[in-house]
Amino acid sequence: MEAYGIREKSRRRGSHRLSPPLSSRSLLRPFRAPPEDNSPAEKKKTREWDRILITNQEKLDRERKRERR
């Protein structure tokens, strides 16, 4: 009975409320991506983010070049 109690306690400590234990079933189930939102507003937002990301990348590249010299 003692060993069972210890095992129970350690298992309880390891589990966390936010992350359910990974069962083999959840690993086998294929991950489904959420449906894409193709509304014009969403497309515009994505374009703006892409532009920001690209300009940030260019800035980083320029800084790296400057450091190499």
PDB file of N, CA and C in Angstrom:
ATOM      1  N   MET A   1       0.830  -1.203   0.000  1.00  0.00           N
ATOM      2  CA  MET A   1       0.000   0.000   0.000  1.00  0.00           C
ATOM      3  C   MET A   1       0.865   1.255   0.000  1.00  0.00           C
ATOM      4  N   GLU A   2       2.005   1.191   0.694  1.00  0.00           N
ATOM      5  CA  GLU A   2       2.914   2.341   0.793  1.00  0.00           C
ATOM      6  C   GLU A   2       3.477   2.717  -0.586  1.00  0.00           C
ATOM      7  N   ALA A   3       3.915   1.702  -1.316  1.00  0.00           N
ATOM      8  CA  ALA A   3       4.502   1.954  -2.627  1.00  0.00           C
ATOM      9  C   ALA A   3       3.471   2.586  -3.563  1.00  0.00           C
ATOM     10  N   TYR A   4       2.251   2.100  -3.482  1.00  0.00           N
ATOM     11  CA  TYR A   4       1.188   2.632  -4.341  1.00  0.00           C
ATOM     12  C   TYR A   4       0.967   4.111  -4.036  1.00  0.00           C
ATOM     13  N   GLY A   5       0.961   4.463  -2.740  1.00  0.00           N
ATOM     14  CA  GLY A   5       0.763   5.855  -2.335  1.00  0.00           C
ATOM     15  C   GLY A   5       1.869   6.750  -2.863  1.00  0.00           C
ATOM     16  N   ILE A   6       3.114   6.277  -2.810  1.00  0.00           N
ATOM     17  CA  ILE A   6       4.262   7.062  -3.286  1.00  0.00           C
ATOM     18  C   ILE A   6       4.139   7.285  -4.790  1.00  0.00           C
ATOM     19  N   ARG A   7       3.793   6.203  -5.521  1.00  0.00           N
ATOM     20  CA  ARG A   7       3.686   6.308  -6.967  1.00  0.00           C
ATOM     21  C   ARG A   7       2.594   7.332  -7.335  1.00  0.00           C
ATOM     22  N   GLU A   8       1.483   7.254  -6.631  1.00  0.00           N
ATOM     23  CA  GLU A   8       0.370   8.148  -6.856  1.00  0.00           C
ATOM     24  C   GLU A   8       0.818   9.604  -6.707  1.00  0.00           C
ATOM     25  N   LYS A   9       1.574   9.873  -5.619  1.00  0.00           N
ATOM     26  CA  LYS A   9       1.999  11.242  -5.306  1.00  0.00           C
ATOM     27  C   LYS A   9       2.921  11.775  -6.408  1.00  0.00           C
ATOM     28  N   SER A  10       3.914  10.958  -6.816  1.00  0.00           N
ATOM     29  CA  SER A  10       4.881  11.430  -7.816  1.00  0.00           C
ATOM     30  C   SER A  10       4.178  11.701  -9.144  1.00  0.00           C
ATOM     31  N   ARG A  11       3.186  10.859  -9.479  1.00  0.00           N
ATOM     32  CA  ARG A  11       2.485  11.072 -10.738  1.00  0.00           C
ATOM     33  C   ARG A  11       1.692  12.381 -10.658  1.00  0.00           C
ATOM     34  N   ARG A  12       1.085  12.630  -9.503  1.00  0.00           N
ATOM     35  CA  ARG A  12       0.286  13.828  -9.356  1.00  0.00           C
ATOM     36  C   ARG A  12       1.173  15.078  -9.461  1.00  0.00           C
ATOM     37  N   ARG A  13       2.384  15.007  -8.907  1.00  0.00           N
ATOM     38  CA  ARG A  13       3.273  16.161  -8.935  1.00  0.00           C
ATOM     39  C   ARG A  13       3.692  16.465 -10.376  1.00  0.00           C
ATOM     40  N   GLY A  14       3.909  15.414 -11.169  1.00  0.00           N
ATOM     41  CA  GLY A  14       4.381  15.604 -12.534  1.00  0.00           C
ATOM     42  C   GLY A  14       3.322  16.206 -13.447  1.00  0.00           C
ATOM     43  N   SER A  15       2.049  15.885 -13.185  1.00  0.00           N
ATOM     44  CA  SER A  15       1.019  16.382 -14.091  1.00  0.00           C
ATOM     45  C   SER A  15       0.714  17.829 -13.783  1.00  0.00           C
ATOM     46  N   HIS A  16       0.307  18.543 -14.784  1.00  0.00           N
ATOM     47  CA  HIS A  16      -0.023  19.963 -14.614  1.00  0.00           C
ATOM     48  C   HIS A  16      -1.421  20.191 -15.135  1.00  0.00           C
ATOM     49  N   ARG A  17      -2.129  21.121 -14.531  1.00  0.00           N
ATOM     50  CA  ARG A  17      -3.519  21.349 -14.895  1.00  0.00           C
ATOM     51  C   ARG A  17      -3.650  21.758 -16.366  1.00  0.00           C
ATOM     52  N   LEU A  18      -2.702  22.569 -16.855  1.00  0.00           N
ATOM     53  CA  LEU A  18      -2.835  23.120 -18.204  1.00  0.00           C
ATOM     54  C   LEU A  18      -2.446  22.116 -19.287  1.00  0.00           C
ATOM     55  N   SER A  19      -1.553  21.178 -18.967  1.00  0.00           N
ATOM     56  CA  SER A  19      -1.149  20.221 -20.001  1.00  0.00           C
ATOM     57  C   SER A  19      -1.698  18.849 -19.658  1.00  0.00           C
ATOM     58  N   PRO A  20      -2.687  18.377 -20.400  1.00  0.00           N
ATOM     59  CA  PRO A  20      -3.224  17.042 -20.146  1.00  0.00           C
ATOM     60  C   PRO A  20      -2.172  15.994 -20.500  1.00  0.00           C
ATOM     61  N   PRO A  21      -2.193  14.839 -19.841  1.00  0.00           N
ATOM     62  CA  PRO A  21      -1.196  13.810 -20.158  1.00  0.00           C
ATOM     63  C   PRO A  21      -1.324  13.379 -21.613  1.00  0.00           C
ATOM     64  N   LEU A  22      -0.202  13.167 -22.269  1.00  0.00           N
ATOM     65  CA  LEU A  22      -0.234  12.796 -23.686  1.00  0.00           C
ATOM     66  C   LEU A  22      -0.573  11.315 -23.802  1.00  0.00           C
ATOM     67  N   SER A  23      -1.761  11.033 -24.269  1.00  0.00           N
ATOM     68  CA  SER A  23      -2.123   9.640 -24.499  1.00  0.00           C
ATOM     69  C   SER A  23      -1.696   9.283 -25.915  1.00  0.00           C
ATOM     70  N   SER A  24      -1.571   7.982 -26.165  1.00  0.00           N
ATOM     71  CA  SER A  24      -1.169   7.571 -27.515  1.00  0.00           C
ATOM     72  C   SER A  24      -2.216   8.016 -28.526  1.00  0.00           C
ATOM     73  N   ARG A  25      -3.483   8.092 -28.099  1.00  0.00           N
ATOM     74  CA  ARG A  25      -4.542   8.490 -29.022  1.00  0.00           C
ATOM     75  C   ARG A  25      -4.337   9.924 -29.494  1.00  0.00           C
ATOM     76  N   SER A  26      -3.960  10.817 -28.555  1.00  0.00           N
ATOM     77  CA  SER A  26      -3.786  12.223 -28.944  1.00  0.00           C
ATOM     78  C   SER A  26      -2.552  12.380 -29.841  1.00  0.00           C
ATOM     79  N   LEU A  27      -1.573  11.483 -29.693  1.00  0.00           N
ATOM     80  CA  LEU A  27      -0.396  11.560 -30.566  1.00  0.00           C
ATOM     81  C   LEU A  27      -0.720  11.044 -31.972  1.00  0.00           C
ATOM     82  N   LEU A  28      -1.640  10.082 -32.040  1.00  0.00           N
ATOM     83  CA  LEU A  28      -1.981   9.508 -33.344  1.00  0.00           C
ATOM     84  C   LEU A  28      -2.928  10.409 -34.132  1.00  0.00           C
ATOM     85  N   ARG A  29      -3.736  11.195 -33.412  1.00  0.00           N
ATOM     86  CA  ARG A  29      -4.700  12.058 -34.098  1.00  0.00           C
ATOM     87  C   ARG A  29      -3.959  13.134 -34.884  1.00  0.00           C
ATOM     88  N   PRO A  30      -4.212  13.268 -36.182  1.00  0.00           N
ATOM     89  CA  PRO A  30      -3.496  14.277 -36.973  1.00  0.00           C
ATOM     90  C   PRO A  30      -3.855  15.688 -36.538  1.00  0.00           C
ATOM     91  N   PHE A  31      -2.882  16.569 -36.577  1.00  0.00           N
ATOM     92  CA  PHE A  31      -3.116  17.955 -36.175  1.00  0.00           C
ATOM     93  C   PHE A  31      -3.871  18.669 -37.278  1.00  0.00           C
ATOM     94  N   ARG A  32      -5.030  19.254 -36.930  1.00  0.00           N
ATOM     95  CA  ARG A  32      -5.812  19.994 -37.920  1.00  0.00           C
ATOM     96  C   ARG A  32      -5.567  21.481 -37.738  1.00  0.00           C
ATOM     97  N   ALA A  33      -5.090  22.125 -38.796  1.00  0.00           N
ATOM     98  CA  ALA A  33      -4.872  23.570 -38.740  1.00  0.00           C
ATOM     99  C   ALA A  33      -6.212  24.272 -38.800  1.00  0.00           C
ATOM    100  N   PRO A  34      -6.335  25.427 -38.123  1.00  0.00           N
ATOM    101  CA  PRO A  34      -7.591  26.167 -38.190  1.00  0.00           C
ATOM    102  C   PRO A  34      -7.848  26.649 -39.613  1.00  0.00           C
ATOM    103  N   PRO A  35      -9.109  26.778 -40.016  1.00  0.00           N
ATOM    104  CA  PRO A  35      -9.394  27.229 -41.384  1.00  0.00           C
ATOM    105  C   PRO A  35      -8.844  28.631 -41.621  1.00  0.00           C
ATOM    106  N   GLU A  36      -8.306  28.851 -42.814  1.00  0.00           N
ATOM    107  CA  GLU A  36      -7.693  30.156 -43.109  1.00  0.00           C
ATOM    108  C   GLU A  36      -8.759  31.222 -43.274  1.00  0.00           C
ATOM    109  N   ASP A  37      -8.451  32.420 -42.761  1.00  0.00           N
ATOM    110  CA  ASP A  37      -9.365  33.540 -42.909  1.00  0.00           C
ATOM    111  C   ASP A  37      -8.904  34.332 -44.135  1.00  0.00           C
ATOM    112  N   ASN A  38      -9.674  34.259 -45.205  1.00  0.00           N
ATOM    113  CA  ASN A  38      -9.263  34.915 -46.454  1.00  0.00           C
ATOM    114  C   ASN A  38     -10.029  36.204 -46.720  1.00  0.00           C
ATOM    115  N   SER A  39     -10.525  36.840 -45.660  1.00  0.00           N
ATOM    116  CA  SER A  39     -11.237  38.100 -45.854  1.00  0.00           C
ATOM    117  C   SER A  39     -10.245  39.187 -46.262  1.00  0.00           C
ATOM    118  N   PRO A  40     -10.691  40.193 -47.024  1.00  0.00           N
ATOM    119  CA  PRO A  40      -9.787  41.261 -47.479  1.00  0.00           C
ATOM    120  C   PRO A  40      -9.047  41.947 -46.326  1.00  0.00           C
ATOM    121  N   ALA A  41      -9.742  42.179 -45.208  1.00  0.00           N
ATOM    122  CA  ALA A  41      -9.096  42.836 -44.064  1.00  0.00           C
ATOM    123  C   ALA A  41      -7.948  41.981 -43.538  1.00  0.00           C
ATOM    124  N   GLU A  42      -8.195  40.667 -43.449  1.00  0.00           N
ATOM    125  CA  GLU A  42      -7.176  39.752 -42.929  1.00  0.00           C
ATOM    126  C   GLU A  42      -5.990  39.701 -43.883  1.00  0.00           C
ATOM    127  N   LYS A  43      -6.269  39.693 -45.189  1.00  0.00           N
ATOM    128  CA  LYS A  43      -5.190  39.673 -46.182  1.00  0.00           C
ATOM    129  C   LYS A  43      -4.332  40.922 -46.053  1.00  0.00           C
ATOM    130  N   LYS A  44      -4.998  42.078 -45.868  1.00  0.00           N
ATOM    131  CA  LYS A  44      -4.269  43.337 -45.755  1.00  0.00           C
ATOM    132  C   LYS A  44      -3.376  43.310 -44.515  1.00  0.00           C
ATOM    133  N   LYS A  45      -3.923  42.801 -43.394  1.00  0.00           N
ATOM    134  CA  LYS A  45      -3.161  42.731 -42.152  1.00  0.00           C
ATOM    135  C   LYS A  45      -1.919  41.857 -42.348  1.00  0.00           C
ATOM    136  N   THR A  46      -2.132  40.703 -43.015  1.00  0.00           N
ATOM    137  CA  THR A  46      -1.023  39.782 -43.266  1.00  0.00           C
ATOM    138  C   THR A  46       0.045  40.463 -44.117  1.00  0.00           C
ATOM    139  N   ARG A  47      -0.398  41.176 -45.161  1.00  0.00           N
ATOM    140  CA  ARG A  47       0.545  41.889 -46.038  1.00  0.00           C
ATOM    141  C   ARG A  47       1.351  42.896 -45.246  1.00  0.00           C
ATOM    142  N   GLU A  48       0.660  43.657 -44.378  1.00  0.00           N
ATOM    143  CA  GLU A  48       1.370  44.663 -43.580  1.00  0.00           C
ATOM    144  C   GLU A  48       2.400  44.000 -42.682  1.00  0.00           C
ATOM    145  N   TRP A  49       2.025  42.894 -42.031  1.00  0.00           N
ATOM    146  CA  TRP A  49       2.966  42.188 -41.158  1.00  0.00           C
ATOM    147  C   TRP A  49       4.146  41.674 -41.957  1.00  0.00           C
ATOM    148  N   ASP A  50       3.873  41.122 -43.141  1.00  0.00           N
ATOM    149  CA  ASP A  50       4.963  40.617 -43.981  1.00  0.00           C
ATOM    150  C   ASP A  50       5.934  41.743 -44.308  1.00  0.00           C
ATOM    151  N   ARG A  51       5.377  42.925 -44.643  1.00  0.00           N
ATOM    152  CA  ARG A  51       6.225  44.058 -44.983  1.00  0.00           C
ATOM    153  C   ARG A  51       7.096  44.454 -43.791  1.00  0.00           C
ATOM    154  N   ILE A  52       6.489  44.491 -42.595  1.00  0.00           N
ATOM    155  CA  ILE A  52       7.239  44.846 -41.388  1.00  0.00           C
ATOM    156  C   ILE A  52       8.352  43.833 -41.152  1.00  0.00           C
ATOM    157  N   LEU A  53       8.018  42.538 -41.273  1.00  0.00           N
ATOM    158  CA  LEU A  53       9.014  41.496 -41.048  1.00  0.00           C
ATOM    159  C   LEU A  53      10.157  41.608 -42.047  1.00  0.00           C
ATOM    160  N   ILE A  54       9.817  41.883 -43.310  1.00  0.00           N
ATOM    161  CA  ILE A  54      10.841  41.987 -44.347  1.00  0.00           C
ATOM    162  C   ILE A  54      11.752  43.179 -44.057  1.00  0.00           C
ATOM    163  N   THR A  55      11.173  44.343 -43.711  1.00  0.00           N
ATOM    164  CA  THR A  55      12.015  45.514 -43.450  1.00  0.00           C
ATOM    165  C   THR A  55      12.898  45.267 -42.238  1.00  0.00           C
ATOM    166  N   ASN A  56      12.369  44.590 -41.201  1.00  0.00           N
ATOM    167  CA  ASN A  56      13.190  44.279 -40.034  1.00  0.00           C
ATOM    168  C   ASN A  56      14.360  43.376 -40.424  1.00  0.00           C
ATOM    169  N   GLN A  57      14.092  42.390 -41.288  1.00  0.00           N
ATOM    170  CA  GLN A  57      15.134  41.471 -41.727  1.00  0.00           C
ATOM    171  C   GLN A  57      16.205  42.237 -42.506  1.00  0.00           C
ATOM    172  N   GLU A  58      15.778  43.180 -43.368  1.00  0.00           N
ATOM    173  CA  GLU A  58      16.744  43.970 -44.134  1.00  0.00           C
ATOM    174  C   GLU A  58      17.608  44.801 -43.198  1.00  0.00           C
ATOM    175  N   LYS A  59      16.995  45.395 -42.171  1.00  0.00           N
ATOM    176  CA  LYS A  59      17.762  46.175 -41.191  1.00  0.00           C
ATOM    177  C   LYS A  59      18.819  45.302 -40.532  1.00  0.00           C
ATOM    178  N   LEU A  60      18.408  44.096 -40.117  1.00  0.00           N
ATOM    179  CA  LEU A  60      19.348  43.184 -39.466  1.00  0.00           C
ATOM    180  C   LEU A  60      20.496  42.837 -40.409  1.00  0.00           C
ATOM    181  N   ASP A  61      20.152  42.570 -41.672  1.00  0.00           N
ATOM    182  CA  ASP A  61      21.183  42.219 -42.650  1.00  0.00           C
ATOM    183  C   ASP A  61      22.164  43.365 -42.822  1.00  0.00           C
ATOM    184  N   ARG A  62      21.644  44.602 -42.921  1.00  0.00           N
ATOM    185  CA  ARG A  62      22.528  45.761 -43.073  1.00  0.00           C
ATOM    186  C   ARG A  62      23.455  45.901 -41.875  1.00  0.00           C
ATOM    187  N   GLU A  63      22.899  45.704 -40.655  1.00  0.00           N
ATOM    188  CA  GLU A  63      23.718  45.811 -39.455  1.00  0.00           C
ATOM    189  C   GLU A  63      24.816  44.754 -39.450  1.00  0.00           C
ATOM    190  N   ARG A  64      24.474  43.540 -39.862  1.00  0.00           N
ATOM    191  CA  ARG A  64      25.462  42.463 -39.889  1.00  0.00           C
ATOM    192  C   ARG A  64      26.576  42.791 -40.877  1.00  0.00           C
ATOM    193  N   LYS A  65      26.198  43.333 -42.044  1.00  0.00           N
ATOM    194  CA  LYS A  65      27.199  43.707 -43.047  1.00  0.00           C
ATOM    195  C   LYS A  65      28.141  44.748 -42.470  1.00  0.00           C
ATOM    196  N   ARG A  66      27.560  45.753 -41.781  1.00  0.00           N
ATOM    197  CA  ARG A  66      28.346  46.828 -41.212  1.00  0.00           C
ATOM    198  C   ARG A  66      29.329  46.269 -40.181  1.00  0.00           C
ATOM    199  N   GLU A  67      28.866  45.272 -39.389  1.00  0.00           N
ATOM    200  CA  GLU A  67      29.735  44.678 -38.369  1.00  0.00           C
ATOM    201  C   GLU A  67      30.881  43.909 -39.011  1.00  0.00           C
ATOM    202  N   ARG A  68      30.648  43.298 -40.156  1.00  0.00           N
ATOM    203  CA  ARG A  68      31.684  42.499 -40.817  1.00  0.00           C
ATOM    204  C   ARG A  68      32.829  43.370 -41.310  1.00  0.00           C
ATOM    205  N   ARG A  69      32.517  44.613 -41.720  1.00  0.00           N
ATOM    206  CA  ARG A  69      33.553  45.470 -42.293  1.00  0.00           C
ATOM    207  C   ARG A  69      34.595  45.869 -41.263  1.00  0.00           C
TER     208      ARG A  69
END
